[in-house]
């Protein structure tokens, strides 16, 4: 195992940020920590990268204890925090050289590991970090996290605020890094990114809701979901929530995801009910569950 966490708890005054969190990450795995803002993802990352100390429980990274062996862990892991934290007044090249020097290496020595990423920012190597776009800042931060050739890479919400094209490119880079035997733990609030991980842990209010592969989590969804839309979304949602047999009602793009409490559910009954509410052009069809549906179900 690259990472082992047992009953980790952490509080900030009256707020319990983590509540008995336990899971393991296998060597070479791309593991996702999936949850909304405030779920406890950043707190857990800071504990695993030795920046915070847990109140209860234990954690190991590459068999090193996060408290007793913090110096060894800092040498063997890469950490990309959620907020861009490089030196804004230094250029791209100066930032890379600075971090290489801290870890007693050089840009040339580990160029092989970062070259696929670095060639995208090399044309801007003399530009200050503060003048880079969001996607370029992301790539520079990843290069700096990899400059010392870490065994484990921690990425805390690396694609937040980044355009869709840069998000796609970033995940493609992670897949290539994984092929170089780097264990990757990534956190994200984006449910669609969960499907790109080998396994995921769904976290809410400091608690782990479920851990499994994305496919297994989706297959365990207990209900049949219907996509429903009509001419008035507001009235549709309000009417569905008032329907006596409704189990769950969530907006989902141009549709509403609806599940019913009855095993023998007849969609025509619901259509007739919605028509009495003045709704027209009603469309209703079965749809496969998503990670987001599963998360909403587990968080209820």
Protein backbone atom coordinates (compact mmCIF):
# COMPACT_ATOMS: atom_id res chain seq x y z
CA UNK A 1 0.00 0.00 0.00
CA UNK A 2 1.18 3.53 -0.79
CA UNK A 3 -1.22 5.21 1.63
CA UNK A 4 -2.96 3.81 4.69
CA UNK A 5 -5.35 5.88 6.81
CA UNK A 6 -6.96 4.58 9.98
CA UNK A 7 -9.66 6.43 11.95
CA UNK A 8 -8.35 9.93 11.23
CA UNK A 9 -10.28 12.74 12.97
CA UNK A 10 -9.63 16.48 12.97
CA UNK A 11 -11.55 19.47 14.35
CA UNK A 12 -11.30 23.22 13.95
CA UNK A 13 -12.94 24.74 17.04
CA UNK A 14 -16.58 23.56 16.89
CA UNK A 15 -16.32 22.14 13.35
CA UNK A 16 -15.48 18.45 12.97
CA UNK A 17 -13.62 18.44 9.62
CA UNK A 18 -12.84 14.70 9.56
CA UNK A 19 -14.71 11.94 11.37
CA UNK A 20 -12.95 8.57 11.69
CA UNK A 21 -11.76 8.46 8.08
CA UNK A 22 -10.18 5.17 6.99
CA UNK A 23 -9.08 3.86 3.58
CA UNK A 24 -6.07 2.56 1.66
CA UNK A 25 -4.55 3.52 -1.68
CA UNK A 26 -2.66 0.85 -3.61
CA UNK A 27 0.74 1.45 -5.19
CA UNK A 28 0.41 2.83 -8.71
CA UNK A 29 -3.28 3.61 -8.25
CA UNK A 30 -5.10 6.74 -9.41
CA UNK A 31 -7.41 7.29 -6.45
CA UNK A 32 -10.05 10.02 -6.29
CA UNK A 33 -11.42 11.77 -3.21
CA UNK A 34 -14.78 13.07 -4.39
CA UNK A 35 -16.93 15.57 -2.53
CA UNK A 36 -18.20 19.16 -2.38
CA UNK A 37 -16.43 22.15 -0.84
CA UNK A 38 -16.19 21.76 2.93
CA UNK A 39 -16.31 17.96 2.82
CA UNK A 40 -12.84 17.59 4.42
CA UNK A 41 -10.72 16.86 1.35
CA UNK A 42 -8.11 19.60 1.89
CA UNK A 43 -7.79 18.85 5.61
CA UNK A 44 -7.05 15.20 4.84
CA UNK A 45 -4.48 16.16 2.18
CA UNK A 46 -2.70 18.47 4.62
CA UNK A 47 -2.50 15.67 7.19
CA UNK A 48 -1.09 13.23 4.63
CA UNK A 49 1.51 15.76 3.44
CA UNK A 50 2.55 16.48 7.08
CA UNK A 51 1.22 20.06 7.14
CA UNK A 52 -1.40 19.28 9.81
CA UNK A 53 -1.51 16.81 12.70
CA UNK A 54 -4.65 14.73 13.25
CA UNK A 55 -6.25 14.60 16.69
CA UNK A 56 -7.01 10.89 16.44
CA UNK A 57 -5.99 7.97 14.28
CA UNK A 58 -2.91 7.22 12.23
CA UNK A 59 -1.75 7.64 8.64
CA UNK A 60 1.13 6.20 6.64
CA UNK A 61 2.54 7.25 3.28
CA UNK A 62 4.90 4.67 1.75
CA UNK A 63 5.04 3.00 5.19
CA UNK A 64 6.25 6.25 6.75
CA UNK A 65 4.27 7.61 9.71
CA UNK A 66 2.98 11.12 8.91
CA UNK A 67 4.05 12.37 12.35
CA UNK A 68 7.26 10.47 13.19
CA UNK A 69 8.66 10.29 9.65
CA UNK A 70 7.52 13.67 8.29
CA UNK A 71 10.95 14.52 6.85
CA UNK A 72 11.07 11.29 4.82
CA UNK A 73 7.54 11.86 3.55
CA UNK A 74 8.31 15.40 2.40
CA UNK A 75 11.21 14.11 0.32
CA UNK A 76 9.18 11.37 -1.35
CA UNK A 77 5.85 13.05 -2.17
CA UNK A 78 4.71 15.83 -4.47
CA UNK A 79 1.90 18.17 -3.38
CA UNK A 80 -0.14 20.53 -5.53
CA UNK A 81 -2.47 22.55 -3.26
CA UNK A 82 -5.85 23.79 -4.42
CA UNK A 83 -4.76 27.43 -4.39
CA UNK A 84 -1.94 28.42 -6.75
CA UNK A 85 0.96 28.83 -4.31
CA UNK A 86 4.05 29.35 -6.46
CA UNK A 87 6.02 32.60 -6.43
CA UNK A 88 4.03 35.02 -8.57
CA UNK A 89 6.96 37.41 -9.13
CA UNK A 90 9.30 34.66 -10.39
CA UNK A 91 9.29 33.45 -13.96
CA UNK A 92 8.30 29.93 -15.01
CA UNK A 93 11.95 28.88 -15.24
CA UNK A 94 12.89 30.53 -11.94
CA UNK A 95 10.08 28.74 -10.10
CA UNK A 96 11.18 25.38 -11.48
CA UNK A 97 14.84 26.02 -10.63
CA UNK A 98 13.90 27.13 -7.12
CA UNK A 99 11.93 23.96 -6.34
CA UNK A 100 14.60 21.76 -7.94
CA UNK A 101 17.24 23.37 -5.72
CA UNK A 102 15.16 22.81 -2.57
CA UNK A 103 15.04 19.08 -3.32
CA UNK A 104 18.72 18.90 -4.27
CA UNK A 105 18.12 18.17 -7.94
CA UNK A 106 18.07 19.99 -11.27
CA UNK A 107 15.59 20.57 -14.05
CA UNK A 108 17.82 18.55 -16.41
CA UNK A 109 18.09 15.55 -14.08
CA UNK A 110 14.34 14.88 -14.01
CA UNK A 111 13.45 16.42 -17.37
CA UNK A 112 12.33 12.99 -18.58
CA UNK A 113 9.48 12.93 -16.07
CA UNK A 114 8.12 16.40 -16.76
CA UNK A 115 9.04 16.92 -20.42
CA UNK A 116 5.51 16.22 -21.78
CA UNK A 117 4.14 18.93 -19.49
CA UNK A 118 7.10 21.29 -19.64
CA UNK A 119 7.13 21.58 -23.47
CA UNK A 120 3.67 23.19 -23.18
CA UNK A 121 4.91 25.95 -20.89
CA UNK A 122 8.50 26.25 -22.19
CA UNK A 123 7.55 29.03 -24.69
CA UNK A 124 6.58 31.10 -21.62
CA UNK A 125 9.62 30.22 -19.48
CA UNK A 126 10.61 33.89 -19.11
CA UNK A 127 7.08 35.02 -18.20
CA UNK A 128 6.20 35.73 -14.57
CA UNK A 129 3.89 33.19 -12.95
CA UNK A 130 1.39 35.95 -12.18
CA UNK A 131 0.94 36.58 -15.92
CA UNK A 132 0.10 32.98 -16.85
CA UNK A 133 -3.39 31.74 -17.71
CA UNK A 134 -5.18 29.37 -15.34
CA UNK A 135 -4.29 26.32 -17.42
CA UNK A 136 -0.61 27.31 -17.66
CA UNK A 137 -0.42 27.96 -13.92
CA UNK A 138 -1.82 24.49 -13.39
CA UNK A 139 0.84 22.91 -15.61
CA UNK A 140 3.64 24.88 -13.91
CA UNK A 141 2.41 23.82 -10.46
CA UNK A 142 2.35 20.18 -11.59
CA UNK A 143 5.91 20.45 -12.94
CA UNK A 144 7.10 21.89 -9.62
CA UNK A 145 5.36 19.06 -7.73
CA UNK A 146 7.12 16.48 -9.94
CA UNK A 147 10.56 18.09 -10.14
CA UNK A 148 12.07 15.76 -7.49
CA UNK A 149 10.52 12.59 -8.98
CA UNK A 150 8.09 11.74 -6.13
CA UNK A 151 6.66 8.28 -5.49
CA UNK A 152 3.28 9.66 -4.43
CA UNK A 153 1.53 12.71 -5.87
CA UNK A 154 -1.18 14.63 -4.00
CA UNK A 155 -3.36 16.93 -6.12
CA UNK A 156 -5.95 18.97 -4.23
CA UNK A 157 -8.73 20.09 -6.61
CA UNK A 158 -6.24 20.69 -9.45
CA UNK A 159 -8.86 21.51 -12.10
CA UNK A 160 -11.06 23.94 -10.15
CA UNK A 161 -11.55 27.13 -12.15
CA UNK A 162 -9.86 25.71 -15.24
CA UNK A 163 -11.50 25.63 -18.68
CA UNK A 164 -12.90 22.29 -20.00
CA UNK A 165 -10.11 21.79 -22.57
CA UNK A 166 -7.38 22.27 -19.93
CA UNK A 167 -9.26 19.92 -17.58
CA UNK A 168 -9.27 17.19 -20.24
CA UNK A 169 -5.56 17.72 -20.99
CA UNK A 170 -4.73 17.59 -17.28
CA UNK A 171 -6.41 14.22 -16.75
CA UNK A 172 -4.65 12.84 -19.81
CA UNK A 173 -1.36 13.92 -18.22
CA UNK A 174 -2.30 12.16 -14.98
CA UNK A 175 -2.94 8.91 -16.85
CA UNK A 176 0.51 9.13 -18.43
CA UNK A 177 2.13 9.86 -15.06
CA UNK A 178 0.39 6.83 -13.58
CA UNK A 179 2.11 4.66 -16.20
CA UNK A 180 5.43 5.79 -14.69
CA UNK A 181 4.57 4.03 -11.40
CA UNK A 182 3.53 7.17 -9.54
CA UNK A 183 0.69 6.72 -7.06
CA UNK A 184 -1.77 9.60 -7.45
CA UNK A 185 -4.34 10.81 -4.93
CA UNK A 186 -6.52 13.54 -6.43
CA UNK A 187 -9.45 15.41 -4.90
CA UNK A 188 -12.20 17.04 -6.92
CA UNK A 189 -15.73 18.41 -6.50
CA UNK A 190 -16.50 17.45 -10.12
CA UNK A 191 -18.47 14.21 -10.24
CA UNK A 192 -17.68 13.63 -13.92
CA UNK A 193 -13.96 13.38 -13.06
CA UNK A 194 -14.67 10.49 -10.68
CA UNK A 195 -15.13 8.12 -13.63
CA UNK A 196 -11.50 8.76 -14.64
CA UNK A 197 -10.13 7.24 -11.41
CA UNK A 198 -9.35 3.58 -10.66
CA UNK A 199 -11.18 3.83 -7.34
CA UNK A 200 -12.91 6.64 -5.52
CA UNK A 201 -13.95 7.58 -2.00
CA UNK A 202 -17.11 9.67 -1.72
CA UNK A 203 -16.78 12.11 1.21
CA UNK A 204 -19.35 14.42 2.79
CA UNK A 205 -19.16 16.39 6.07
CA UNK A 206 -15.90 14.68 7.02
CA UNK A 207 -17.28 11.14 6.60
CA UNK A 208 -16.49 8.55 3.94
CA UNK A 209 -19.79 7.47 2.37
CA UNK A 210 -18.48 4.71 0.09
CA UNK A 211 -15.26 3.43 -1.48
CA UNK A 212 -15.12 1.38 -4.67
CA UNK A 213 -14.49 1.61 -8.40
CA UNK A 214 -16.73 4.13 -10.20
CA UNK A 215 -18.53 1.33 -12.07
CA UNK A 216 -19.24 -0.66 -8.91
CA UNK A 217 -20.58 2.39 -7.10
CA UNK A 218 -22.92 3.19 -9.98
CA UNK A 219 -24.13 -0.43 -10.26
CA UNK A 220 -25.07 -0.42 -6.56
CA UNK A 221 -27.58 2.39 -7.06
CA UNK A 222 -30.86 1.00 -5.65
CA UNK A 223 -33.51 2.74 -7.77
CA UNK A 224 -34.60 3.22 -11.40
CA UNK A 225 -34.01 6.83 -12.47
CA UNK A 226 -36.25 8.71 -14.90
CA UNK A 227 -35.25 11.76 -16.92
CA UNK A 228 -38.22 14.13 -16.91
CA UNK A 229 -38.66 17.49 -18.60
CA UNK A 230 -41.62 19.73 -19.45
CA UNK A 231 -42.39 23.26 -20.61
CA UNK A 232 -41.86 24.81 -17.16
CA UNK A 233 -38.91 23.55 -15.08
CA UNK A 234 -39.90 25.39 -11.89
CA UNK A 235 -43.45 24.02 -11.87
CA UNK A 236 -42.14 20.57 -12.81
CA UNK A 237 -39.74 20.39 -9.84
CA UNK A 238 -42.35 21.78 -7.44
CA UNK A 239 -45.00 19.32 -8.66
CA UNK A 240 -42.66 16.32 -8.46
CA UNK A 241 -41.65 17.21 -4.90
CA UNK A 242 -45.32 17.38 -3.94
CA UNK A 243 -46.11 13.99 -5.53
CA UNK A 244 -46.92 11.52 -2.76
CA UNK A 245 -44.86 8.69 -4.26
CA UNK A 246 -41.68 10.66 -4.97
CA UNK A 247 -38.47 9.24 -3.46
CA UNK A 248 -35.98 11.77 -4.85
CA UNK A 249 -36.14 14.79 -7.16
CA UNK A 250 -32.96 16.52 -8.41
CA UNK A 251 -32.38 19.00 -11.27
CA UNK A 252 -29.91 17.50 -13.73
CA UNK A 253 -29.12 19.75 -16.70
CA UNK A 254 -32.22 20.20 -18.85
CA UNK A 255 -33.92 17.29 -17.06
CA UNK A 256 -35.05 16.38 -13.57
CA UNK A 257 -33.84 13.05 -12.17
CA UNK A 258 -36.79 11.36 -10.51
CA UNK A 259 -37.11 8.12 -8.51
CA UNK A 260 -40.32 6.61 -7.13
CA UNK A 261 -41.01 4.82 -3.86
CA UNK A 262 -43.05 2.10 -5.58
CA UNK A 263 -41.56 -1.05 -7.08
CA UNK A 264 -44.43 -1.29 -9.56
CA UNK A 265 -44.17 2.27 -10.83
CA UNK A 266 -46.20 3.17 -13.92
CA UNK A 267 -44.84 6.34 -15.64
CA UNK A 268 -48.26 7.04 -17.17
CA UNK A 269 -49.69 7.69 -13.69
CA UNK A 270 -47.06 10.34 -13.09
CA UNK A 271 -47.62 11.89 -16.53
CA UNK A 272 -51.35 12.24 -15.80
CA UNK A 273 -50.56 13.87 -12.46
CA UNK A 274 -48.15 16.36 -14.06
CA UNK A 275 -50.73 17.23 -16.72
CA UNK A 276 -53.20 18.22 -13.96
CA UNK A 277 -50.58 20.77 -12.84
CA UNK A 278 -50.79 22.51 -16.21
CA UNK A 279 -47.52 21.08 -17.56
CA UNK A 280 -47.17 20.35 -21.28
CA UNK A 281 -44.65 18.64 -23.61
CA UNK A 282 -43.85 16.16 -20.86
CA UNK A 283 -40.94 13.81 -21.68
CA UNK A 284 -40.18 10.86 -19.41
CA UNK A 285 -37.57 8.16 -20.01
CA UNK A 286 -35.34 5.81 -18.04
CA UNK A 287 -31.71 6.89 -17.64
CA UNK A 288 -28.68 5.11 -16.14
CA UNK A 289 -27.45 6.40 -12.76
CA UNK A 290 -24.34 8.56 -12.46
CA UNK A 291 -21.80 9.08 -9.69
CA UNK A 292 -23.70 12.25 -8.79
CA UNK A 293 -26.94 10.30 -8.35
CA UNK A 294 -25.16 7.83 -6.10
CA UNK A 295 -23.58 10.61 -4.07
CA UNK A 296 -26.93 12.33 -3.56
CA UNK A 297 -28.47 9.03 -2.47
CA UNK A 298 -25.69 8.25 0.03
CA UNK A 299 -25.70 11.79 1.41
CA UNK A 300 -29.45 11.78 2.15
